[in-house]
PDB file of all heavy atoms in Angstrom:
ATOM      1  N   ALA A   1     -18.255   1.947  14.366  1.00  0.00           N
ATOM      2  CA  ALA A   1     -16.844   1.650  14.035  1.00  0.00           C
ATOM      3  C   ALA A   1     -16.480   0.242  14.430  1.00  0.00           C
ATOM      4  O   ALA A   1     -15.770  -0.461  13.680  1.00  0.00           O
ATOM      5  CB  ALA A   1     -15.936   2.659  14.722  1.00  0.00           C
ATOM      6  N   GLU A   2     -16.957  -0.224  15.576  1.00  0.00           N
ATOM      7  CA  GLU A   2     -16.634  -1.581  16.023  1.00  0.00           C
ATOM      8  C   GLU A   2     -17.277  -2.623  15.098  1.00  0.00           C
ATOM      9  O   GLU A   2     -16.654  -3.634  14.771  1.00  0.00           O
ATOM     10  CB  GLU A   2     -17.142  -1.779  17.447  1.00  0.00           C
ATOM     11  CG  GLU A   2     -16.322  -1.016  18.498  1.00  0.00           C
ATOM     12  CD  GLU A   2     -16.986  -0.995  19.849  1.00  0.00           C
ATOM     13  OE1 GLU A   2     -18.199  -1.298  19.953  1.00  0.00           O
ATOM     14  OE2 GLU A   2     -16.295  -0.677  20.846  1.00  0.00           O
ATOM     15  N   CYS A   3     -18.492  -2.350  14.649  1.00  0.00           N
ATOM     16  CA  CYS A   3     -19.152  -3.277  13.740  1.00  0.00           C
ATOM     17  C   CYS A   3     -18.390  -3.383  12.418  1.00  0.00           C
ATOM     18  O   CYS A   3     -18.214  -4.480  11.877  1.00  0.00           O
ATOM     19  CB  CYS A   3     -20.586  -2.814  13.475  1.00  0.00           C
ATOM     20  SG  CYS A   3     -21.566  -3.949  12.449  1.00  0.00           S
ATOM     21  N   VAL A   4     -17.934  -2.252  11.908  1.00  0.00           N
ATOM     22  CA  VAL A   4     -17.161  -2.278  10.667  1.00  0.00           C
ATOM     23  C   VAL A   4     -15.848  -3.022  10.863  1.00  0.00           C
ATOM     24  O   VAL A   4     -15.417  -3.807  10.006  1.00  0.00           O
ATOM     25  CB  VAL A   4     -16.927  -0.837  10.170  1.00  0.00           C
ATOM     26  CG1 VAL A   4     -15.963  -0.820   8.966  1.00  0.00           C
ATOM     27  CG2 VAL A   4     -18.257  -0.175   9.814  1.00  0.00           C
ATOM     28  N   LEU A   5     -15.199  -2.799  11.997  1.00  0.00           N
ATOM     29  CA  LEU A   5     -13.926  -3.491  12.288  1.00  0.00           C
ATOM     30  C   LEU A   5     -14.064  -5.003  12.326  1.00  0.00           C
ATOM     31  O   LEU A   5     -13.103  -5.732  12.084  1.00  0.00           O
ATOM     32  CB  LEU A   5     -13.375  -2.981  13.613  1.00  0.00           C
ATOM     33  CG  LEU A   5     -12.481  -1.741  13.560  1.00  0.00           C
ATOM     34  CD1 LEU A   5     -12.217  -1.222  14.970  1.00  0.00           C
ATOM     35  CD2 LEU A   5     -11.171  -2.024  12.863  1.00  0.00           C
ATOM     36  N   MET A   6     -15.250  -5.485  12.637  1.00  0.00           N
ATOM     37  CA  MET A   6     -15.455  -6.941  12.724  1.00  0.00           C
ATOM     38  C   MET A   6     -15.268  -7.650  11.372  1.00  0.00           C
ATOM     39  O   MET A   6     -15.134  -8.850  11.321  1.00  0.00           O
ATOM     40  CB  MET A   6     -16.859  -7.244  13.229  1.00  0.00           C
ATOM     41  CG  MET A   6     -17.064  -6.983  14.713  1.00  0.00           C
ATOM     42  SD  MET A   6     -18.785  -7.364  15.227  1.00  0.00           S
ATOM     43  CE  MET A   6     -18.683  -7.025  16.977  1.00  0.00           C
ATOM     44  N   SER A   7     -15.208  -6.879  10.290  1.00  0.00           N
ATOM     45  CA  SER A   7     -15.011  -7.491   8.987  1.00  0.00           C
ATOM     46  C   SER A   7     -13.541  -7.730   8.667  1.00  0.00           C
ATOM     47  O   SER A   7     -13.215  -8.226   7.594  1.00  0.00           O
ATOM     48  CB  SER A   7     -15.637  -6.606   7.891  1.00  0.00           C
ATOM     49  OG  SER A   7     -14.907  -5.397   7.732  1.00  0.00           O
ATOM     50  N   ARG A   8     -12.655  -7.383   9.582  1.00  0.00           N
ATOM     51  CA  ARG A   8     -11.241  -7.634   9.350  1.00  0.00           C
ATOM     52  C   ARG A   8     -11.021  -9.141   9.150  1.00  0.00           C
ATOM     53  O   ARG A   8     -11.773  -9.951   9.609  1.00  0.00           O
ATOM     54  CB  ARG A   8     -10.431  -7.151  10.546  1.00  0.00           C
ATOM     55  CG  ARG A   8     -10.427  -5.657  10.764  1.00  0.00           C
ATOM     56  CD  ARG A   8      -9.585  -5.299  11.970  1.00  0.00           C
ATOM     57  NE  ARG A   8     -10.031  -5.965  13.152  1.00  0.00           N
ATOM     58  CZ  ARG A   8      -9.356  -6.080  14.298  1.00  0.00           C
ATOM     59  NH1 ARG A   8      -8.138  -5.578  14.350  1.00  0.00           N
ATOM     60  NH2 ARG A   8      -9.858  -6.700  15.341  1.00  0.00           N
ATOM     61  N   PRO A   9      -9.893  -9.483   8.458  1.00  0.00           N
ATOM     62  CA  PRO A   9      -9.611 -10.909   8.275  1.00  0.00           C
ATOM     63  C   PRO A   9      -9.584 -11.661   9.572  1.00  0.00           C
ATOM     64  O   PRO A   9      -9.173 -11.154  10.629  1.00  0.00           O
ATOM     65  CB  PRO A   9      -8.203 -10.895   7.629  1.00  0.00           C
ATOM     66  CG  PRO A   9      -8.144  -9.549   6.959  1.00  0.00           C
ATOM     67  CD  PRO A   9      -8.911  -8.602   7.824  1.00  0.00           C
ATOM     68  N   GLN A  10     -10.017 -12.907   9.526  1.00  0.00           N
ATOM     69  CA  GLN A  10     -10.047 -13.750  10.723  1.00  0.00           C
ATOM     70  C   GLN A  10      -8.629 -13.921  11.281  1.00  0.00           C
ATOM     71  O   GLN A  10      -7.647 -13.968  10.539  1.00  0.00           O
ATOM     72  CB  GLN A  10     -10.636 -15.105  10.402  1.00  0.00           C
ATOM     73  CG  GLN A  10     -12.106 -15.074  10.059  1.00  0.00           C
ATOM     74  CD  GLN A  10     -12.691 -16.441   9.842  1.00  0.00           C
ATOM     75  OE1 GLN A  10     -11.980 -17.434   9.891  1.00  0.00           O
ATOM     76  NE2 GLN A  10     -13.972 -16.496   9.576  1.00  0.00           N
ATOM     77  N   GLY A  11      -8.564 -14.060  12.588  1.00  0.00           N
ATOM     78  CA  GLY A  11      -7.272 -14.233  13.242  1.00  0.00           C
ATOM     79  C   GLY A  11      -6.748 -12.995  13.922  1.00  0.00           C
ATOM     80  O   GLY A  11      -5.888 -13.090  14.789  1.00  0.00           O
ATOM     81  N   LEU A  12      -7.271 -11.832  13.535  1.00  0.00           N
ATOM     82  CA  LEU A  12      -6.870 -10.613  14.220  1.00  0.00           C
ATOM     83  C   LEU A  12      -7.626 -10.447  15.499  1.00  0.00           C
ATOM     84  O   LEU A  12      -8.802 -10.809  15.596  1.00  0.00           O
ATOM     85  CB  LEU A  12      -7.114  -9.398  13.303  1.00  0.00           C
ATOM     86  CG  LEU A  12      -6.349  -9.366  11.984  1.00  0.00           C
ATOM     87  CD1 LEU A  12      -6.697  -8.117  11.174  1.00  0.00           C
ATOM     88  CD2 LEU A  12      -4.843  -9.369  12.252  1.00  0.00           C
ATOM     89  N   ARG A  13      -6.976  -9.922  16.518  1.00  0.00           N
ATOM     90  CA  ARG A  13      -7.582  -9.872  17.841  1.00  0.00           C
ATOM     91  C   ARG A  13      -8.663  -8.798  17.892  1.00  0.00           C
ATOM     92  O   ARG A  13      -8.502  -7.707  17.368  1.00  0.00           O
ATOM     93  CB  ARG A  13      -6.511  -9.576  18.902  1.00  0.00           C
ATOM     94  CG  ARG A  13      -5.478 -10.655  19.024  1.00  0.00           C
ATOM     95  CD  ARG A  13      -4.492 -10.313  20.163  1.00  0.00           C
ATOM     96  NE  ARG A  13      -5.140 -10.308  21.447  1.00  0.00           N
ATOM     97  CZ  ARG A  13      -4.584  -9.862  22.561  1.00  0.00           C
ATOM     98  NH1 ARG A  13      -3.356  -9.362  22.512  1.00  0.00           N
ATOM     99  NH2 ARG A  13      -5.210  -9.902  23.710  1.00  0.00           N
ATOM    100  N   TRP A  14      -9.773  -9.166  18.499  1.00  0.00           N
ATOM    101  CA  TRP A  14     -10.884  -8.256  18.664  1.00  0.00           C
ATOM    102  C   TRP A  14     -11.080  -7.972  20.155  1.00  0.00           C
ATOM    103  O   TRP A  14     -10.957  -8.898  20.946  1.00  0.00           O
ATOM    104  CB  TRP A  14     -12.180  -8.875  18.062  1.00  0.00           C
ATOM    105  CG  TRP A  14     -13.431  -8.131  18.434  1.00  0.00           C
ATOM    106  CD1 TRP A  14     -14.349  -8.494  19.373  1.00  0.00           C
ATOM    107  CD2 TRP A  14     -13.851  -6.867  17.920  1.00  0.00           C
ATOM    108  NE1 TRP A  14     -15.320  -7.565  19.470  1.00  0.00           N
ATOM    109  CE2 TRP A  14     -15.034  -6.560  18.621  1.00  0.00           C
ATOM    110  CE3 TRP A  14     -13.345  -5.981  17.004  1.00  0.00           C
ATOM    111  CZ2 TRP A  14     -15.704  -5.351  18.353  1.00  0.00           C
ATOM    112  CZ3 TRP A  14     -14.020  -4.826  16.747  1.00  0.00           C
ATOM    113  CH2 TRP A  14     -15.212  -4.541  17.446  1.00  0.00           C
ATOM    114  N   PRO A  15     -11.317  -6.764  20.595  1.00  0.00           N
ATOM    115  CA  PRO A  15     -11.685  -5.568  19.808  1.00  0.00           C
ATOM    116  C   PRO A  15     -10.497  -4.666  19.492  1.00  0.00           C
ATOM    117  O   PRO A  15     -10.673  -3.554  19.050  1.00  0.00           O
ATOM    118  CB  PRO A  15     -12.656  -4.858  20.691  1.00  0.00           C
ATOM    119  CG  PRO A  15     -12.141  -5.125  22.082  1.00  0.00           C
ATOM    120  CD  PRO A  15     -11.569  -6.521  22.024  1.00  0.00           C
ATOM    121  N   TRP A  16      -9.247  -5.148  19.764  1.00  0.00           N
ATOM    122  CA  TRP A  16      -8.104  -4.276  19.608  1.00  0.00           C
ATOM    123  C   TRP A  16      -7.781  -4.116  18.111  1.00  0.00           C
ATOM    124  O   TRP A  16      -7.683  -5.104  17.388  1.00  0.00           O
ATOM    125  CB  TRP A  16      -6.921  -4.835  20.377  1.00  0.00           C
ATOM    126  CG  TRP A  16      -7.193  -4.858  21.828  1.00  0.00           C
ATOM    127  CD1 TRP A  16      -7.082  -3.845  22.729  1.00  0.00           C
ATOM    128  CD2 TRP A  16      -7.725  -5.990  22.549  1.00  0.00           C
ATOM    129  NE1 TRP A  16      -7.472  -4.260  23.987  1.00  0.00           N
ATOM    130  CE2 TRP A  16      -7.865  -5.564  23.908  1.00  0.00           C
ATOM    131  CE3 TRP A  16      -8.080  -7.278  22.229  1.00  0.00           C
ATOM    132  CZ2 TRP A  16      -8.351  -6.409  24.891  1.00  0.00           C
ATOM    133  CZ3 TRP A  16      -8.564  -8.123  23.210  1.00  0.00           C
ATOM    134  CH2 TRP A  16      -8.690  -7.680  24.537  1.00  0.00           C
ATOM    135  N   ALA A  17      -7.601  -2.896  17.715  1.00  0.00           N
ATOM    136  CA  ALA A  17      -7.261  -2.590  16.318  1.00  0.00           C
ATOM    137  C   ALA A  17      -6.092  -1.624  16.273  1.00  0.00           C
ATOM    138  O   ALA A  17      -5.897  -0.805  17.163  1.00  0.00           O
ATOM    139  CB  ALA A  17      -8.465  -1.996  15.599  1.00  0.00           C
ATOM    140  N   SER A  18      -5.283  -1.754  15.231  1.00  0.00           N
ATOM    141  CA  SER A  18      -4.127  -0.897  15.106  1.00  0.00           C
ATOM    142  C   SER A  18      -4.573   0.519  14.650  1.00  0.00           C
ATOM    143  O   SER A  18      -5.668   0.681  14.128  1.00  0.00           O
ATOM    144  CB  SER A  18      -3.170  -1.462  14.053  1.00  0.00           C
ATOM    145  OG  SER A  18      -3.769  -1.391  12.748  1.00  0.00           O
ATOM    146  N   PRO A  19      -3.721   1.507  14.859  1.00  0.00           N
ATOM    147  CA  PRO A  19      -4.067   2.865  14.362  1.00  0.00           C
ATOM    148  C   PRO A  19      -4.350   2.867  12.849  1.00  0.00           C
ATOM    149  O   PRO A  19      -5.228   3.576  12.397  1.00  0.00           O
ATOM    150  CB  PRO A  19      -2.820   3.698  14.701  1.00  0.00           C
ATOM    151  CG  PRO A  19      -2.253   2.994  15.905  1.00  0.00           C
ATOM    152  CD  PRO A  19      -2.507   1.523  15.657  1.00  0.00           C
ATOM    153  N   ALA A  20      -3.619   2.066  12.098  1.00  0.00           N
ATOM    154  CA  ALA A  20      -3.819   2.002  10.646  1.00  0.00           C
ATOM    155  C   ALA A  20      -5.206   1.467  10.317  1.00  0.00           C
ATOM    156  O   ALA A  20      -5.881   1.959   9.405  1.00  0.00           O
ATOM    157  CB  ALA A  20      -2.719   1.149   9.989  1.00  0.00           C
ATOM    158  N   GLU A  21      -5.629   0.443  11.074  1.00  0.00           N
ATOM    159  CA  GLU A  21      -6.958  -0.135  10.853  1.00  0.00           C
ATOM    160  C   GLU A  21      -8.038   0.859  11.197  1.00  0.00           C
ATOM    161  O   GLU A  21      -9.054   0.966  10.480  1.00  0.00           O
ATOM    162  CB  GLU A  21      -7.100  -1.406  11.661  1.00  0.00           C
ATOM    163  CG  GLU A  21      -6.264  -2.576  11.127  1.00  0.00           C
ATOM    164  CD  GLU A  21      -6.257  -3.745  12.084  1.00  0.00           C
ATOM    165  OE1 GLU A  21      -6.437  -3.548  13.296  1.00  0.00           O
ATOM    166  OE2 GLU A  21      -6.070  -4.883  11.601  1.00  0.00           O
ATOM    167  N   ARG A  22      -7.863   1.593  12.264  1.00  0.00           N
ATOM    168  CA  ARG A  22      -8.859   2.584  12.654  1.00  0.00           C
ATOM    169  C   ARG A  22      -8.931   3.716  11.626  1.00  0.00           C
ATOM    170  O   ARG A  22     -10.021   4.230  11.332  1.00  0.00           O
ATOM    171  CB  ARG A  22      -8.570   3.129  14.053  1.00  0.00           C
ATOM    172  CG  ARG A  22      -8.683   2.052  15.137  1.00  0.00           C
ATOM    173  CD  ARG A  22      -8.637   2.654  16.519  1.00  0.00           C
ATOM    174  NE  ARG A  22      -8.763   1.604  17.526  1.00  0.00           N
ATOM    175  CZ  ARG A  22      -9.905   1.052  17.911  1.00  0.00           C
ATOM    176  NH1 ARG A  22     -11.047   1.466  17.376  1.00  0.00           N
ATOM    177  NH2 ARG A  22      -9.929   0.093  18.831  1.00  0.00           N
ATOM    178  N   ARG A  23      -7.786   4.100  11.058  1.00  0.00           N
ATOM    179  CA  ARG A  23      -7.798   5.086  10.033  1.00  0.00           C
ATOM    180  C   ARG A  23      -8.535   4.591   8.779  1.00  0.00           C
ATOM    181  O   ARG A  23      -9.270   5.345   8.125  1.00  0.00           O
ATOM    182  CB  ARG A  23      -6.368   5.512   9.672  1.00  0.00           C
ATOM    183  CG  ARG A  23      -5.670   6.386  10.717  1.00  0.00           C
ATOM    184  CD  ARG A  23      -4.411   7.031  10.164  1.00  0.00           C
ATOM    185  NE  ARG A  23      -3.393   6.021   9.819  1.00  0.00           N
ATOM    186  CZ  ARG A  23      -2.480   5.586  10.651  1.00  0.00           C
ATOM    187  NH1 ARG A  23      -2.440   6.030  11.898  1.00  0.00           N
ATOM    188  NH2 ARG A  23      -1.573   4.707  10.250  1.00  0.00           N
ATOM    189  N   ALA A  24      -8.356   3.304   8.466  1.00  0.00           N
ATOM    190  CA  ALA A  24      -9.022   2.708   7.340  1.00  0.00           C
ATOM    191  C   ALA A  24     -10.544   2.701   7.537  1.00  0.00           C
ATOM    192  O   ALA A  24     -11.299   2.993   6.592  1.00  0.00           O
ATOM    193  CB  ALA A  24      -8.509   1.288   7.078  1.00  0.00           C
ATOM    194  N   VAL A  25     -10.951   2.419   8.753  1.00  0.00           N
ATOM    195  CA  VAL A  25     -12.374   2.451   9.080  1.00  0.00           C
ATOM    196  C   VAL A  25     -12.941   3.860   8.903  1.00  0.00           C
ATOM    197  O   VAL A  25     -13.980   4.056   8.261  1.00  0.00           O
ATOM    198  CB  VAL A  25     -12.636   1.950  10.527  1.00  0.00           C
ATOM    199  CG1 VAL A  25     -14.088   2.241  10.939  1.00  0.00           C
ATOM    200  CG2 VAL A  25     -12.369   0.455  10.617  1.00  0.00           C
ATOM    201  N   ASN A  26     -12.223   4.847   9.428  1.00  0.00           N
ATOM    202  CA  ASN A  26     -12.689   6.242   9.333  1.00  0.00           C
ATOM    203  C   ASN A  26     -12.770   6.698   7.863  1.00  0.00           C
ATOM    204  O   ASN A  26     -13.684   7.431   7.476  1.00  0.00           O
ATOM    205  CB  ASN A  26     -11.792   7.170  10.146  1.00  0.00           C
ATOM    206  CG  ASN A  26     -12.058   7.075  11.630  1.00  0.00           C
ATOM    207  OD1 ASN A  26     -13.147   6.680  12.050  1.00  0.00           O
ATOM    208  ND2 ASN A  26     -11.064   7.368  12.446  1.00  0.00           N
ATOM    209  N   ARG A  27     -11.763   6.264   7.054  1.00  0.00           N
ATOM    210  CA  ARG A  27     -11.775   6.666   5.619  1.00  0.00           C
ATOM    211  C   ARG A  27     -12.985   6.050   4.925  1.00  0.00           C
ATOM    212  O   ARG A  27     -13.651   6.693   4.126  1.00  0.00           O
ATOM    213  CB  ARG A  27     -10.505   6.186   4.941  1.00  0.00           C
ATOM    214  CG  ARG A  27      -9.276   7.014   5.215  1.00  0.00           C
ATOM    215  CD  ARG A  27      -8.182   6.719   4.210  1.00  0.00           C
ATOM    216  NE  ARG A  27      -7.778   5.300   4.211  1.00  0.00           N
ATOM    217  CZ  ARG A  27      -6.841   4.781   4.968  1.00  0.00           C
ATOM    218  NH1 ARG A  27      -6.181   5.567   5.801  1.00  0.00           N
ATOM    219  NH2 ARG A  27      -6.547   3.533   4.915  1.00  0.00           N
ATOM    220  N   THR A  28     -13.304   4.810   5.281  1.00  0.00           N
ATOM    221  CA  THR A  28     -14.427   4.129   4.645  1.00  0.00           C
ATOM    222  C   THR A  28     -15.748   4.762   5.078  1.00  0.00           C
ATOM    223  O   THR A  28     -16.642   4.961   4.239  1.00  0.00           O
ATOM    224  CB  THR A  28     -14.414   2.621   4.973  1.00  0.00           C
ATOM    225  OG1 THR A  28     -13.157   2.052   4.653  1.00  0.00           O
ATOM    226  CG2 THR A  28     -15.510   1.881   4.218  1.00  0.00           C
ATOM    227  N   LEU A  29     -15.878   5.033   6.379  1.00  0.00           N
ATOM    228  CA  LEU A  29     -17.083   5.677   6.858  1.00  0.00           C
ATOM    229  C   LEU A  29     -17.263   7.060   6.245  1.00  0.00           C
ATOM    230  O   LEU A  29     -18.372   7.495   5.895  1.00  0.00           O
ATOM    231  CB  LEU A  29     -17.069   5.774   8.388  1.00  0.00           C
ATOM    232  CG  LEU A  29     -17.169   4.443   9.141  1.00  0.00           C
ATOM    233  CD1 LEU A  29     -17.004   4.673  10.664  1.00  0.00           C
ATOM    234  CD2 LEU A  29     -18.494   3.723   8.876  1.00  0.00           C
ATOM    235  N   ASP A  30     -16.142   7.785   6.087  1.00  0.00           N
ATOM    236  CA  ASP A  30     -16.192   9.097   5.492  1.00  0.00           C
ATOM    237  C   ASP A  30     -16.613   9.010   4.048  1.00  0.00           C
ATOM    238  O   ASP A  30     -17.411   9.867   3.556  1.00  0.00           O
ATOM    239  CB  ASP A  30     -14.816   9.750   5.623  1.00  0.00           C
ATOM    240  CG  ASP A  30     -14.833  11.226   5.148  1.00  0.00           C
ATOM    241  OD1 ASP A  30     -15.684  11.968   5.607  1.00  0.00           O
ATOM    242  OD2 ASP A  30     -13.974  11.551   4.300  1.00  0.00           O
ATOM    243  N   ARG A  31     -16.149   8.029   3.354  1.00  0.00           N
ATOM    244  CA  ARG A  31     -16.538   7.840   1.945  1.00  0.00           C
ATOM    245  C   ARG A  31     -18.030   7.648   1.796  1.00  0.00           C
ATOM    246  O   ARG A  31     -18.635   8.089   0.806  1.00  0.00           O
ATOM    247  CB  ARG A  31     -15.790   6.623   1.358  1.00  0.00           C
ATOM    248  CG  ARG A  31     -16.073   6.339  -0.109  1.00  0.00           C
ATOM    249  CD  ARG A  31     -15.356   5.109  -0.549  1.00  0.00           C
ATOM    250  NE  ARG A  31     -15.554   4.866  -1.990  1.00  0.00           N
ATOM    251  CZ  ARG A  31     -15.126   3.774  -2.630  1.00  0.00           C
ATOM    252  NH1 ARG A  31     -14.480   2.837  -1.952  1.00  0.00           N
ATOM    253  NH2 ARG A  31     -15.339   3.647  -3.918  1.00  0.00           N
ATOM    254  N   LEU A  32     -18.642   7.026   2.793  1.00  0.00           N
ATOM    255  CA  LEU A  32     -20.076   6.744   2.757  1.00  0.00           C
ATOM    256  C   LEU A  32     -20.884   7.793   3.521  1.00  0.00           C
ATOM    257  O   LEU A  32     -22.092   7.645   3.653  1.00  0.00           O
ATOM    258  CB  LEU A  32     -20.362   5.349   3.347  1.00  0.00           C
ATOM    259  CG  LEU A  32     -19.704   4.213   2.606  1.00  0.00           C
ATOM    260  CD1 LEU A  32     -20.112   2.878   3.226  1.00  0.00           C
ATOM    261  CD2 LEU A  32     -20.073   4.213   1.119  1.00  0.00           C
TER     262      LEU A  32
END
C-alpha cells in the first residue's frame, strides 16, 4: 500500500495519506 501511495502527485506529504487516498489505493488493489 505504501509503495502504491508513492505515486501520488508530487508535493503531497509522505507517508501521511488522507482516508480518501487510502480508499483509492484499496480500490485499485482490489481491482487487481
